[in-house]
Amino acid sequence: MVPHKKNNRFYNHGEEKARHRILNVAQVAWHVLVRRLQAKRPPFVAKGSDLNKWVETPKFGTDENKPSITWFGHATCLVKIAGITILTDPVAGTLGRLFKRNLPLPLPLEQLPHIDVILISHNHPDHVDIPTLTALRHFNPLVLVPQGDAKLLHQLGFHRVQECNWHELIELETNLDRKKVELIFLPAIHWSGRGILDVNRSLWGSWLIRAEELSVYFAGDSAYGKHFSDLSHRYGPPDVVLMPIAPEEPRGLMAPSHVGVEEALQAFDDLAATHFFPIHWGTFAFGLDRFQDPIEKLEKLWPSKARADKKLHIVPAGRVVFVDEI
């Protein structure tokens, strides 16, 4: 699977057009707005004990080199592997008046451990948040972005920025017994743009993080497609999958851009992975899902997929999951 490019815009396939994406977004926004105004859905926001059980303060422990996964809400995950720390799609705050953050950030940004690498899946504002990135600049991380996004990161003051095409591999040598980490930018079925005028001017994708002891697949945002099985066949099944499960509804309008729970589980099967970590739920109200809808559906459907060699990890934002303990 390779990205298609026409007139300086990227596409998932040759027949796709930018106006189709713009129309789809407009349809979703209108449908969601009307349904909310008609009060046909209960409010998204969870409060009190409902929220408290989904957030905890990270405890990274004394062994900083132990491989671990920490979900910080939405698509922001902290991955420690082979002695380096990787942060995906950093978003710490709200996204304006329309999309206030519901799930609090588990840890202030100034208390994060040193960030070596930032991985960006695509440039939508809920994945590339300028205030958050600006606050991370002092780490001087290596920032890996899709083709077309380096200019934005350079404007924010980042100096170590590399653009990537699908299947491009970046190899890092760590200080931990000269271990190596491979970062591979891979396909997704999605789109890009921070406004109407720049729709699909940059690429989008997913990331495979590989070291000798562990492989982690960060799916970014994606509709369901054969790229999941293709990835497994080409690179081998990943150990851990960080998979989005929302927004689910309205499903017919969300399907071209986002997997729902059932599709996420099918993608997990296609990847032949072992550990499933659900992400991209509960933090922002982008669809008609209520706060715990996706998680409750996932818990209901998981028994039909579960086998002894497959494990589901529904964890609060901020919980550090050490890979050697799962």
C-alpha atoms as a PDB file:
ATOM      1  CA  MET A   1       0.000   0.000   0.000  1.00  0.00           C
ATOM      2  CA  VAL A   2       1.446   3.341  -1.073  1.00  0.00           C
ATOM      3  CA  PRO A   3      -0.030   6.843  -0.719  1.00  0.00           C
ATOM      4  CA  HIS A   4      -1.511   8.399  -3.829  1.00  0.00           C
ATOM      5  CA  LYS A   5      -0.608  11.979  -4.610  1.00  0.00           C
ATOM      6  CA  LYS A   6      -2.385  14.293  -7.028  1.00  0.00           C
ATOM      7  CA  ASN A   7      -1.976  18.057  -7.347  1.00  0.00           C
ATOM      8  CA  ASN A   8       0.119  18.165  -4.166  1.00  0.00           C
ATOM      9  CA  ARG A   9      -2.510  16.372  -2.114  1.00  0.00           C
ATOM     10  CA  PHE A  10      -2.316  12.861  -0.642  1.00  0.00           C
ATOM     11  CA  TYR A  11      -5.061  10.244  -0.931  1.00  0.00           C
ATOM     12  CA  ASN A  12      -5.738   6.739   0.333  1.00  0.00           C
ATOM     13  CA  HIS A  13      -6.613   5.566  -3.178  1.00  0.00           C
ATOM     14  CA  GLY A  14      -6.678   6.908  -6.692  1.00  0.00           C
ATOM     15  CA  GLU A  15     -10.396   7.688  -6.847  1.00  0.00           C
ATOM     16  CA  GLU A  16     -10.530   9.722  -3.645  1.00  0.00           C
ATOM     17  CA  LYS A  17     -11.021  13.501  -3.772  1.00  0.00           C
ATOM     18  CA  ALA A  18     -10.400  16.191  -1.162  1.00  0.00           C
ATOM     19  CA  ARG A  19     -13.938  17.515  -1.450  1.00  0.00           C
ATOM     20  CA  HIS A  20     -15.275  14.106  -0.400  1.00  0.00           C
ATOM     21  CA  ARG A  21     -13.395  14.401   2.886  1.00  0.00           C
ATOM     22  CA  ILE A  22     -14.589  17.956   3.448  1.00  0.00           C
ATOM     23  CA  LEU A  23     -18.183  16.901   2.749  1.00  0.00           C
ATOM     24  CA  ASN A  24     -17.875  13.954   5.132  1.00  0.00           C
ATOM     25  CA  VAL A  25     -16.576  16.186   7.942  1.00  0.00           C
ATOM     26  CA  ALA A  26     -19.395  18.675   7.339  1.00  0.00           C
ATOM     27  CA  GLN A  27     -21.973  15.871   7.447  1.00  0.00           C
ATOM     28  CA  VAL A  28     -20.573  14.535  10.719  1.00  0.00           C
ATOM     29  CA  ALA A  29     -20.519  17.996  12.316  1.00  0.00           C
ATOM     30  CA  TRP A  30     -24.071  18.788  11.233  1.00  0.00           C
ATOM     31  CA  HIS A  31     -25.460  15.416  12.289  1.00  0.00           C
ATOM     32  CA  VAL A  32     -23.811  15.569  15.707  1.00  0.00           C
ATOM     33  CA  LEU A  33     -24.911  19.167  16.276  1.00  0.00           C
ATOM     34  CA  VAL A  34     -28.533  18.449  15.382  1.00  0.00           C
ATOM     35  CA  ARG A  35     -28.692  15.336  17.572  1.00  0.00           C
ATOM     36  CA  ARG A  36     -27.232  17.193  20.535  1.00  0.00           C
ATOM     37  CA  LEU A  37     -29.582  20.141  20.110  1.00  0.00           C
ATOM     38  CA  GLN A  38     -32.488  17.712  19.957  1.00  0.00           C
ATOM     39  CA  ALA A  39     -31.147  16.165  23.176  1.00  0.00           C
ATOM     40  CA  LYS A  40     -31.517  12.673  21.774  1.00  0.00           C
ATOM     41  CA  ARG A  41     -28.291  11.586  23.454  1.00  0.00           C
ATOM     42  CA  PRO A  42     -27.320  11.820  27.144  1.00  0.00           C
ATOM     43  CA  PRO A  43     -24.444  14.196  27.867  1.00  0.00           C
ATOM     44  CA  PHE A  44     -20.937  12.965  27.126  1.00  0.00           C
ATOM     45  CA  VAL A  45     -19.266  14.453  30.189  1.00  0.00           C
ATOM     46  CA  ALA A  46     -18.511  12.097  33.055  1.00  0.00           C
ATOM     47  CA  LYS A  47     -18.102  13.553  36.527  1.00  0.00           C
ATOM     48  CA  GLY A  48     -17.060  12.635  40.033  1.00  0.00           C
ATOM     49  CA  SER A  49     -16.369   8.981  40.684  1.00  0.00           C
ATOM     50  CA  ASP A  50     -16.962   8.079  37.031  1.00  0.00           C
ATOM     51  CA  LEU A  51     -14.026  10.252  36.038  1.00  0.00           C
ATOM     52  CA  ASN A  52     -11.811   9.577  39.046  1.00  0.00           C
ATOM     53  CA  LYS A  53     -11.535   5.873  38.306  1.00  0.00           C
ATOM     54  CA  TRP A  54     -10.224   6.638  34.825  1.00  0.00           C
ATOM     55  CA  VAL A  55      -7.274   8.839  35.826  1.00  0.00           C
ATOM     56  CA  GLU A  56      -4.326   8.165  38.109  1.00  0.00           C
ATOM     57  CA  THR A  57      -0.922   9.741  38.698  1.00  0.00           C
ATOM     58  CA  PRO A  58       1.827   7.860  36.828  1.00  0.00           C
ATOM     59  CA  LYS A  59       4.367   5.920  38.889  1.00  0.00           C
ATOM     60  CA  PHE A  60       7.296   5.219  36.639  1.00  0.00           C
ATOM     61  CA  GLY A  61       9.365   3.535  39.353  1.00  0.00           C
ATOM     62  CA  THR A  62      13.089   3.449  39.854  1.00  0.00           C
ATOM     63  CA  ASP A  63      13.967   1.286  36.850  1.00  0.00           C
ATOM     64  CA  GLU A  64      13.652   3.782  34.017  1.00  0.00           C
ATOM     65  CA  ASN A  65      14.842   1.205  31.482  1.00  0.00           C
ATOM     66  CA  LYS A  66      11.994  -1.255  31.981  1.00  0.00           C
ATOM     67  CA  PRO A  67       9.733  -1.330  28.895  1.00  0.00           C
ATOM     68  CA  SER A  68       6.379   0.228  29.704  1.00  0.00           C
ATOM     69  CA  ILE A  69       3.213   1.690  28.174  1.00  0.00           C
ATOM     70  CA  THR A  70       1.366   4.683  29.649  1.00  0.00           C
ATOM     71  CA  TRP A  71      -1.794   6.103  28.076  1.00  0.00           C
ATOM     72  CA  PHE A  72      -2.245   9.826  28.791  1.00  0.00           C
ATOM     73  CA  GLY A  73      -5.664  10.194  27.141  1.00  0.00           C
ATOM     74  CA  HIS A  74      -6.822  10.372  23.532  1.00  0.00           C
ATOM     75  CA  ALA A  75      -3.917   9.268  21.275  1.00  0.00           C
ATOM     76  CA  THR A  76      -1.123  10.397  23.597  1.00  0.00           C
ATOM     77  CA  CYS A  77       0.921   7.434  24.806  1.00  0.00           C
ATOM     78  CA  LEU A  78       4.311   7.269  26.478  1.00  0.00           C
ATOM     79  CA  VAL A  79       6.332   4.237  25.402  1.00  0.00           C
ATOM     80  CA  LYS A  80       9.566   3.329  27.171  1.00  0.00           C
ATOM     81  CA  ILE A  81      11.576   0.847  25.162  1.00  0.00           C
ATOM     82  CA  ALA A  82      15.257  -0.121  25.058  1.00  0.00           C
ATOM     83  CA  GLY A  83      16.200   2.851  27.224  1.00  0.00           C
ATOM     84  CA  ILE A  84      14.477   5.570  25.194  1.00  0.00           C
ATOM     85  CA  THR A  85      11.190   7.373  25.852  1.00  0.00           C
ATOM     86  CA  ILE A  86       8.747   7.956  23.004  1.00  0.00           C
ATOM     87  CA  LEU A  87       5.627  10.148  23.105  1.00  0.00           C
ATOM     88  CA  THR A  88       2.871   9.780  20.503  1.00  0.00           C
ATOM     89  CA  ASP A  89       0.601  12.594  19.260  1.00  0.00           C
ATOM     90  CA  PRO A  90       0.987  14.864  22.329  1.00  0.00           C
ATOM     91  CA  VAL A  91      -2.206  16.687  23.340  1.00  0.00           C
ATOM     92  CA  ALA A  92      -2.399  17.951  26.912  1.00  0.00           C
ATOM     93  CA  GLY A  93      -5.145  20.571  26.921  1.00  0.00           C
ATOM     94  CA  THR A  94      -8.509  21.425  25.437  1.00  0.00           C
ATOM     95  CA  LEU A  95      -9.291  22.026  21.782  1.00  0.00           C
ATOM     96  CA  GLY A  96     -11.251  25.223  22.146  1.00  0.00           C
ATOM     97  CA  ARG A  97     -14.785  25.841  23.346  1.00  0.00           C
ATOM     98  CA  LEU A  98     -16.369  23.135  21.233  1.00  0.00           C
ATOM     99  CA  PHE A  99     -14.054  20.326  22.337  1.00  0.00           C
ATOM    100  CA  LYS A 100     -13.111  20.773  25.955  1.00  0.00           C
ATOM    101  CA  ARG A 101     -10.995  18.062  27.485  1.00  0.00           C
ATOM    102  CA  ASN A 102     -13.087  15.645  29.523  1.00  0.00           C
ATOM    103  CA  LEU A 103     -10.425  13.245  30.818  1.00  0.00           C
ATOM    104  CA  PRO A 104      -7.867  15.271  32.809  1.00  0.00           C
ATOM    105  CA  LEU A 105      -4.177  15.018  31.984  1.00  0.00           C
ATOM    106  CA  PRO A 106      -2.738  12.567  34.556  1.00  0.00           C
ATOM    107  CA  LEU A 107       0.519  14.480  35.007  1.00  0.00           C
ATOM    108  CA  PRO A 108       1.582  18.094  34.375  1.00  0.00           C
ATOM    109  CA  LEU A 109       3.818  18.359  31.324  1.00  0.00           C
ATOM    110  CA  GLU A 110       6.686  19.734  33.409  1.00  0.00           C
ATOM    111  CA  GLN A 111       6.729  16.463  35.364  1.00  0.00           C
ATOM    112  CA  LEU A 112       7.156  14.215  32.355  1.00  0.00           C
ATOM    113  CA  PRO A 113      10.334  12.165  32.127  1.00  0.00           C
ATOM    114  CA  HIS A 114      12.816  13.191  29.456  1.00  0.00           C
ATOM    115  CA  ILE A 115      11.265  12.701  26.009  1.00  0.00           C
ATOM    116  CA  ASP A 116      13.681  11.384  23.381  1.00  0.00           C
ATOM    117  CA  VAL A 117      11.304  10.986  20.431  1.00  0.00           C
ATOM    118  CA  ILE A 118       7.906  12.380  19.456  1.00  0.00           C
ATOM    119  CA  LEU A 119       5.911  10.447  16.860  1.00  0.00           C
ATOM    120  CA  ILE A 120       3.178  12.240  14.923  1.00  0.00           C
ATOM    121  CA  SER A 121       0.545  10.224  13.054  1.00  0.00           C
ATOM    122  CA  HIS A 122      -1.121  13.174  11.282  1.00  0.00           C
ATOM    123  CA  ASN A 123      -1.630  16.892  11.736  1.00  0.00           C
ATOM    124  CA  HIS A 124      -5.233  17.189  12.934  1.00  0.00           C
ATOM    125  CA  PRO A 125      -5.445  19.556  15.935  1.00  0.00           C
ATOM    126  CA  ASP A 126      -6.364  16.700  18.284  1.00  0.00           C
ATOM    127  CA  HIS A 127      -3.067  15.007  17.391  1.00  0.00           C
ATOM    128  CA  VAL A 128      -0.813  18.013  16.841  1.00  0.00           C
ATOM    129  CA  ASP A 129      -1.554  20.497  19.629  1.00  0.00           C
ATOM    130  CA  ILE A 130       0.632  23.586  19.368  1.00  0.00           C
ATOM    131  CA  PRO A 131       0.640  24.611  23.079  1.00  0.00           C
ATOM    132  CA  THR A 132       1.531  21.053  24.093  1.00  0.00           C
ATOM    133  CA  LEU A 133       4.324  20.747  21.562  1.00  0.00           C
ATOM    134  CA  THR A 134       5.705  24.136  22.544  1.00  0.00           C
ATOM    135  CA  ALA A 135       5.867  22.972  26.156  1.00  0.00           C
ATOM    136  CA  LEU A 136       7.857  19.894  25.074  1.00  0.00           C
ATOM    137  CA  ARG A 137      10.397  21.795  22.995  1.00  0.00           C
ATOM    138  CA  HIS A 138      12.965  22.011  25.818  1.00  0.00           C
ATOM    139  CA  PHE A 139      13.549  18.256  25.591  1.00  0.00           C
ATOM    140  CA  ASN A 140      15.020  18.802  22.098  1.00  0.00           C
ATOM    141  CA  PRO A 141      13.454  15.524  20.955  1.00  0.00           C
ATOM    142  CA  LEU A 142      13.694  13.904  17.566  1.00  0.00           C
ATOM    143  CA  VAL A 143      10.288  14.582  15.983  1.00  0.00           C
ATOM    144  CA  LEU A 144       9.156  12.195  13.253  1.00  0.00           C
ATOM    145  CA  VAL A 145       6.285  13.504  11.150  1.00  0.00           C
ATOM    146  CA  PRO A 146       4.442  12.550   7.958  1.00  0.00           C
ATOM    147  CA  GLN A 147       5.503  14.124   4.693  1.00  0.00           C
ATOM    148  CA  GLY A 148       4.410  17.745   4.546  1.00  0.00           C
ATOM    149  CA  ASP A 149       4.444  18.486   8.287  1.00  0.00           C
ATOM    150  CA  ALA A 150       8.080  19.420   8.950  1.00  0.00           C
ATOM    151  CA  LYS A 151       7.462  23.095   8.247  1.00  0.00           C
ATOM    152  CA  LEU A 152       4.936  23.358  11.088  1.00  0.00           C
ATOM    153  CA  LEU A 153       7.354  21.779  13.580  1.00  0.00           C
ATOM    154  CA  HIS A 154      10.211  23.996  12.455  1.00  0.00           C
ATOM    155  CA  GLN A 155       7.962  27.035  12.968  1.00  0.00           C
ATOM    156  CA  LEU A 156       7.420  25.867  16.566  1.00  0.00           C
ATOM    157  CA  GLY A 157      11.164  25.869  17.168  1.00  0.00           C
ATOM    158  CA  PHE A 158      11.984  22.172  16.833  1.00  0.00           C
ATOM    159  CA  HIS A 159      15.352  21.538  15.197  1.00  0.00           C
ATOM    160  CA  ARG A 160      15.464  17.749  14.922  1.00  0.00           C
ATOM    161  CA  VAL A 161      12.542  17.023  12.596  1.00  0.00           C
ATOM    162  CA  GLN A 162      12.335  14.312   9.957  1.00  0.00           C
ATOM    163  CA  GLU A 163       9.526  13.771   7.452  1.00  0.00           C
ATOM    164  CA  CYS A 164       8.582  10.194   6.616  1.00  0.00           C
ATOM    165  CA  ASN A 165       6.785   8.327   3.865  1.00  0.00           C
ATOM    166  CA  TRP A 166       4.958   5.042   4.368  1.00  0.00           C
ATOM    167  CA  HIS A 167       7.320   2.124   5.085  1.00  0.00           C
ATOM    168  CA  GLU A 168      10.221   4.453   5.824  1.00  0.00           C
ATOM    169  CA  LEU A 169      12.405   3.132   8.644  1.00  0.00           C
ATOM    170  CA  ILE A 170      14.408   5.202  11.120  1.00  0.00           C
ATOM    171  CA  GLU A 171      16.913   3.314  13.251  1.00  0.00           C
ATOM    172  CA  LEU A 172      18.091   4.688  16.585  1.00  0.00           C
ATOM    173  CA  GLU A 173      21.010   3.401  18.606  1.00  0.00           C
ATOM    174  CA  THR A 174      20.386   3.740  22.330  1.00  0.00           C
ATOM    175  CA  ASN A 175      22.742   4.087  25.265  1.00  0.00           C
ATOM    176  CA  LEU A 176      21.442   0.849  26.754  1.00  0.00           C
ATOM    177  CA  ASP A 177      23.995  -1.808  25.799  1.00  0.00           C
ATOM    178  CA  ARG A 178      24.008  -0.378  22.276  1.00  0.00           C
ATOM    179  CA  LYS A 179      20.499  -1.669  21.681  1.00  0.00           C
ATOM    180  CA  LYS A 180      18.669  -0.443  18.615  1.00  0.00           C
ATOM    181  CA  VAL A 181      15.120   0.774  18.129  1.00  0.00           C
ATOM    182  CA  GLU A 182      13.390   0.821  14.755  1.00  0.00           C
ATOM    183  CA  LEU A 183      10.630   3.331  14.060  1.00  0.00           C
ATOM    184  CA  ILE A 184       8.647   2.522  10.929  1.00  0.00           C
ATOM    185  CA  PHE A 185       6.001   4.847   9.477  1.00  0.00           C
ATOM    186  CA  LEU A 186       3.151   2.755   8.085  1.00  0.00           C
ATOM    187  CA  PRO A 187      -0.144   3.227   6.239  1.00  0.00           C
ATOM    188  CA  ALA A 188      -3.494   4.216   7.688  1.00  0.00           C
ATOM    189  CA  ILE A 189      -6.795   5.104   6.046  1.00  0.00           C
ATOM    190  CA  HIS A 190      -7.448   8.654   7.110  1.00  0.00           C
ATOM    191  CA  TRP A 191      -6.817  12.241   5.993  1.00  0.00           C
ATOM    192  CA  SER A 192      -5.033  15.392   7.127  1.00  0.00           C
ATOM    193  CA  GLY A 193      -5.557  19.125   7.465  1.00  0.00           C
ATOM    194  CA  ARG A 194      -5.709  21.816  10.111  1.00  0.00           C
ATOM    195  CA  GLY A 195      -8.285  23.766   8.130  1.00  0.00           C
ATOM    196  CA  ILE A 196     -10.285  23.561   4.909  1.00  0.00           C
ATOM    197  CA  LEU A 197      -7.539  24.941   2.658  1.00  0.00           C
ATOM    198  CA  ASP A 198      -4.835  22.427   3.576  1.00  0.00           C
ATOM    199  CA  VAL A 199      -6.873  19.213   3.449  1.00  0.00           C
ATOM    200  CA  ASN A 200      -4.559  16.315   2.516  1.00  0.00           C
ATOM    201  CA  ARG A 201      -1.559  18.585   1.899  1.00  0.00           C
ATOM    202  CA  SER A 202       0.389  16.332   4.265  1.00  0.00           C
ATOM    203  CA  LEU A 203       0.410  12.571   4.764  1.00  0.00           C
ATOM    204  CA  TRP A 204      -1.011  10.511   7.652  1.00  0.00           C
ATOM    205  CA  GLY A 205      -0.180   7.089   8.993  1.00  0.00           C
ATOM    206  CA  SER A 206       0.625   4.776  11.878  1.00  0.00           C
ATOM    207  CA  TRP A 207       3.864   3.779  13.613  1.00  0.00           C
ATOM    208  CA  LEU A 208       5.576   0.508  14.439  1.00  0.00           C
ATOM    209  CA  ILE A 209       8.131   0.702  17.255  1.00  0.00           C
ATOM    210  CA  ARG A 210      10.468  -2.294  17.308  1.00  0.00           C
ATOM    211  CA  ALA A 211      13.254  -3.324  19.650  1.00  0.00           C
ATOM    212  CA  GLU A 212      14.781  -6.678  20.421  1.00  0.00           C
ATOM    213  CA  GLU A 213      12.538  -7.296  23.414  1.00  0.00           C
ATOM    214  CA  LEU A 214       9.302  -5.653  22.268  1.00  0.00           C
ATOM    215  CA  SER A 215       7.287  -4.334  19.319  1.00  0.00           C
ATOM    216  CA  VAL A 216       4.507  -1.764  19.707  1.00  0.00           C
ATOM    217  CA  TYR A 217       2.069  -0.694  16.992  1.00  0.00           C
ATOM    218  CA  PHE A 218       0.497   2.760  17.377  1.00  0.00           C
ATOM    219  CA  ALA A 219      -2.431   2.870  14.951  1.00  0.00           C
ATOM    220  CA  GLY A 220      -2.974   6.659  14.980  1.00  0.00           C
ATOM    221  CA  ASP A 221      -6.371   7.339  13.383  1.00  0.00           C
ATOM    222  CA  SER A 222      -7.645   4.990  10.709  1.00  0.00           C
ATOM    223  CA  ALA A 223     -10.642   3.432   9.073  1.00  0.00           C
ATOM    224  CA  TYR A 224     -10.604  -0.352   8.764  1.00  0.00           C
ATOM    225  CA  GLY A 225      -8.666  -1.791   5.848  1.00  0.00           C
ATOM    226  CA  LYS A 226      -6.309  -4.491   4.633  1.00  0.00           C
ATOM    227  CA  HIS A 227      -3.290  -2.489   5.770  1.00  0.00           C
ATOM    228  CA  PHE A 228      -3.583  -4.149   9.185  1.00  0.00           C
ATOM    229  CA  SER A 229      -3.093  -7.667   7.818  1.00  0.00           C
ATOM    230  CA  ASP A 230      -0.489  -6.401   5.339  1.00  0.00           C
ATOM    231  CA  LEU A 231       1.511  -4.962   8.222  1.00  0.00           C
ATOM    232  CA  SER A 232       1.479  -8.252  10.099  1.00  0.00           C
ATOM    233  CA  HIS A 233       2.592 -10.205   7.044  1.00  0.00           C
ATOM    234  CA  ARG A 234       5.376  -7.795   6.139  1.00  0.00           C
ATOM    235  CA  TYR A 235       6.790  -6.945   9.573  1.00  0.00           C
ATOM    236  CA  GLY A 236       5.493  -9.725  11.787  1.00  0.00           C
ATOM    237  CA  PRO A 237       2.772  -9.555  14.459  1.00  0.00           C
ATOM    238  CA  PRO A 238       3.385  -6.758  16.986  1.00  0.00           C
ATOM    239  CA  ASP A 239       3.386  -7.605  20.674  1.00  0.00           C
ATOM    240  CA  VAL A 240       1.348  -4.567  21.751  1.00  0.00           C
ATOM    241  CA  VAL A 241      -1.305  -2.646  19.814  1.00  0.00           C
ATOM    242  CA  LEU A 242      -2.397   0.881  20.784  1.00  0.00           C
ATOM    243  CA  MET A 243      -5.712   0.925  18.951  1.00  0.00           C
ATOM    244  CA  PRO A 244      -8.347   3.694  18.671  1.00  0.00           C
ATOM    245  CA  ILE A 245     -11.917   2.625  19.435  1.00  0.00           C
ATOM    246  CA  ALA A 246     -13.840   5.920  19.058  1.00  0.00           C
ATOM    247  CA  PRO A 247     -15.632   7.986  17.905  1.00  0.00           C
ATOM    248  CA  GLU A 248     -18.136   5.263  17.068  1.00  0.00           C
ATOM    249  CA  GLU A 249     -21.307   7.175  16.281  1.00  0.00           C
ATOM    250  CA  PRO A 250     -22.757   8.107  13.856  1.00  0.00           C
ATOM    251  CA  ARG A 251     -21.119   4.931  12.546  1.00  0.00           C
ATOM    252  CA  GLY A 252     -22.055   5.387   8.894  1.00  0.00           C
ATOM    253  CA  LEU A 253     -20.394   8.794   8.780  1.00  0.00           C
ATOM    254  CA  MET A 254     -17.437   7.908  11.027  1.00  0.00           C
ATOM    255  CA  ALA A 255     -16.509   4.682   9.217  1.00  0.00           C
ATOM    256  CA  PRO A 256     -14.507   6.341   6.388  1.00  0.00           C
ATOM    257  CA  SER A 257     -12.045   7.771   8.953  1.00  0.00           C
ATOM    258  CA  HIS A 258     -12.322   5.874  12.242  1.00  0.00           C
ATOM    259  CA  VAL A 259     -12.574   2.252  13.286  1.00  0.00           C
ATOM    260  CA  GLY A 260     -15.306   1.468  15.743  1.00  0.00           C
ATOM    261  CA  VAL A 261     -14.987  -1.163  18.444  1.00  0.00           C
ATOM    262  CA  GLU A 262     -15.914  -4.131  16.234  1.00  0.00           C
ATOM    263  CA  GLU A 263     -13.538  -2.992  13.490  1.00  0.00           C
ATOM    264  CA  ALA A 264     -10.788  -2.355  16.032  1.00  0.00           C
ATOM    265  CA  LEU A 265     -11.144  -5.928  17.263  1.00  0.00           C
ATOM    266  CA  GLN A 266     -11.025  -7.218  13.695  1.00  0.00           C
ATOM    267  CA  ALA A 267      -7.903  -5.140  13.077  1.00  0.00           C
ATOM    268  CA  PHE A 268      -6.373  -6.655  16.227  1.00  0.00           C
ATOM    269  CA  ASP A 269      -7.075 -10.115  14.803  1.00  0.00           C
ATOM    270  CA  ASP A 270      -5.606  -9.109  11.448  1.00  0.00           C
ATOM    271  CA  LEU A 271      -2.451  -7.907  13.167  1.00  0.00           C
ATOM    272  CA  ALA A 272      -2.187 -11.230  15.051  1.00  0.00           C
ATOM    273  CA  ALA A 273      -1.045  -9.186  18.047  1.00  0.00           C
ATOM    274  CA  THR A 274      -1.016 -10.233  21.698  1.00  0.00           C
ATOM    275  CA  HIS A 275      -1.874  -7.179  23.831  1.00  0.00           C
ATOM    276  CA  PHE A 276      -4.733  -4.768  23.050  1.00  0.00           C
ATOM    277  CA  PHE A 277      -4.664  -1.276  24.630  1.00  0.00           C
ATOM    278  CA  PRO A 278      -7.720   0.843  23.664  1.00  0.00           C
ATOM    279  CA  ILE A 279      -6.979   4.532  23.064  1.00  0.00           C
ATOM    280  CA  HIS A 280      -8.719   7.540  21.472  1.00  0.00           C
ATOM    281  CA  TRP A 281     -11.842   7.388  23.654  1.00  0.00           C
ATOM    282  CA  GLY A 282     -13.287   9.395  26.550  1.00  0.00           C
ATOM    283  CA  THR A 283     -11.098  12.477  26.229  1.00  0.00           C
ATOM    284  CA  PHE A 284     -12.982  14.561  23.653  1.00  0.00           C
ATOM    285  CA  ALA A 285     -16.608  14.398  22.502  1.00  0.00           C
ATOM    286  CA  PHE A 286     -16.183  14.159  18.740  1.00  0.00           C
ATOM    287  CA  GLY A 287     -19.192  12.001  17.964  1.00  0.00           C
ATOM    288  CA  LEU A 288     -22.398  10.848  19.610  1.00  0.00           C
ATOM    289  CA  ASP A 289     -20.702   8.361  21.917  1.00  0.00           C
ATOM    290  CA  ARG A 290     -21.320   8.775  25.622  1.00  0.00           C
ATOM    291  CA  PHE A 291     -18.253   8.724  27.825  1.00  0.00           C
ATOM    292  CA  GLN A 292     -17.942   4.980  28.478  1.00  0.00           C
ATOM    293  CA  ASP A 293     -19.879   3.674  25.464  1.00  0.00           C
ATOM    294  CA  PRO A 294     -16.812   2.413  23.560  1.00  0.00           C
ATOM    295  CA  ILE A 295     -15.246   0.753  26.614  1.00  0.00           C
ATOM    296  CA  GLU A 296     -18.491  -0.937  27.635  1.00  0.00           C
ATOM    297  CA  LYS A 297     -18.942  -2.255  24.106  1.00  0.00           C
ATOM    298  CA  LEU A 298     -15.349  -3.460  24.031  1.00  0.00           C
ATOM    299  CA  GLU A 299     -15.785  -5.316  27.332  1.00  0.00           C
ATOM    300  CA  LYS A 300     -18.968  -6.918  25.995  1.00  0.00           C
ATOM    301  CA  LEU A 301     -17.411  -8.091  22.724  1.00  0.00           C
ATOM    302  CA  TRP A 302     -13.996  -9.133  24.018  1.00  0.00           C
ATOM    303  CA  PRO A 303     -15.024 -12.588  25.344  1.00  0.00           C
ATOM    304  CA  SER A 304     -15.864 -13.677  21.800  1.00  0.00           C
ATOM    305  CA  LYS A 305     -12.322 -12.766  20.733  1.00  0.00           C
ATOM    306  CA  ALA A 306     -10.423 -13.736  23.853  1.00  0.00           C
ATOM    307  CA  ARG A 307      -7.957 -16.607  23.844  1.00  0.00           C
ATOM    308  CA  ALA A 308      -5.246 -17.574  26.262  1.00  0.00           C
ATOM    309  CA  ASP A 309      -2.622 -15.803  24.163  1.00  0.00           C
ATOM    310  CA  LYS A 310      -4.635 -12.556  23.785  1.00  0.00           C
ATOM    311  CA  LYS A 311      -4.928  -9.942  26.522  1.00  0.00           C
ATOM    312  CA  LEU A 312      -7.095  -6.847  26.802  1.00  0.00           C
ATOM    313  CA  HIS A 313      -5.740  -3.960  28.889  1.00  0.00           C
ATOM    314  CA  ILE A 314      -8.390  -1.380  29.794  1.00  0.00           C
ATOM    315  CA  VAL A 315      -6.421   0.953  32.033  1.00  0.00           C
ATOM    316  CA  PRO A 316      -6.893   4.440  33.467  1.00  0.00           C
ATOM    317  CA  ALA A 317      -5.031   7.315  31.891  1.00  0.00           C
ATOM    318  CA  GLY A 318      -1.718   7.621  33.706  1.00  0.00           C
ATOM    319  CA  ARG A 319      -1.297   4.001  34.772  1.00  0.00           C
ATOM    320  CA  VAL A 320       2.188   2.754  33.935  1.00  0.00           C
ATOM    321  CA  VAL A 321       1.962  -0.784  32.554  1.00  0.00           C
ATOM    322  CA  PHE A 322       5.307  -2.561  32.688  1.00  0.00           C
ATOM    323  CA  VAL A 323       5.479  -4.950  29.777  1.00  0.00           C
ATOM    324  CA  ASP A 324       7.315  -7.686  31.676  1.00  0.00           C
ATOM    325  CA  GLU A 325       4.407  -7.816  34.133  1.00  0.00           C
ATOM    326  CA  ILE A 326       1.551  -8.323  31.650  1.00  0.00           C
END
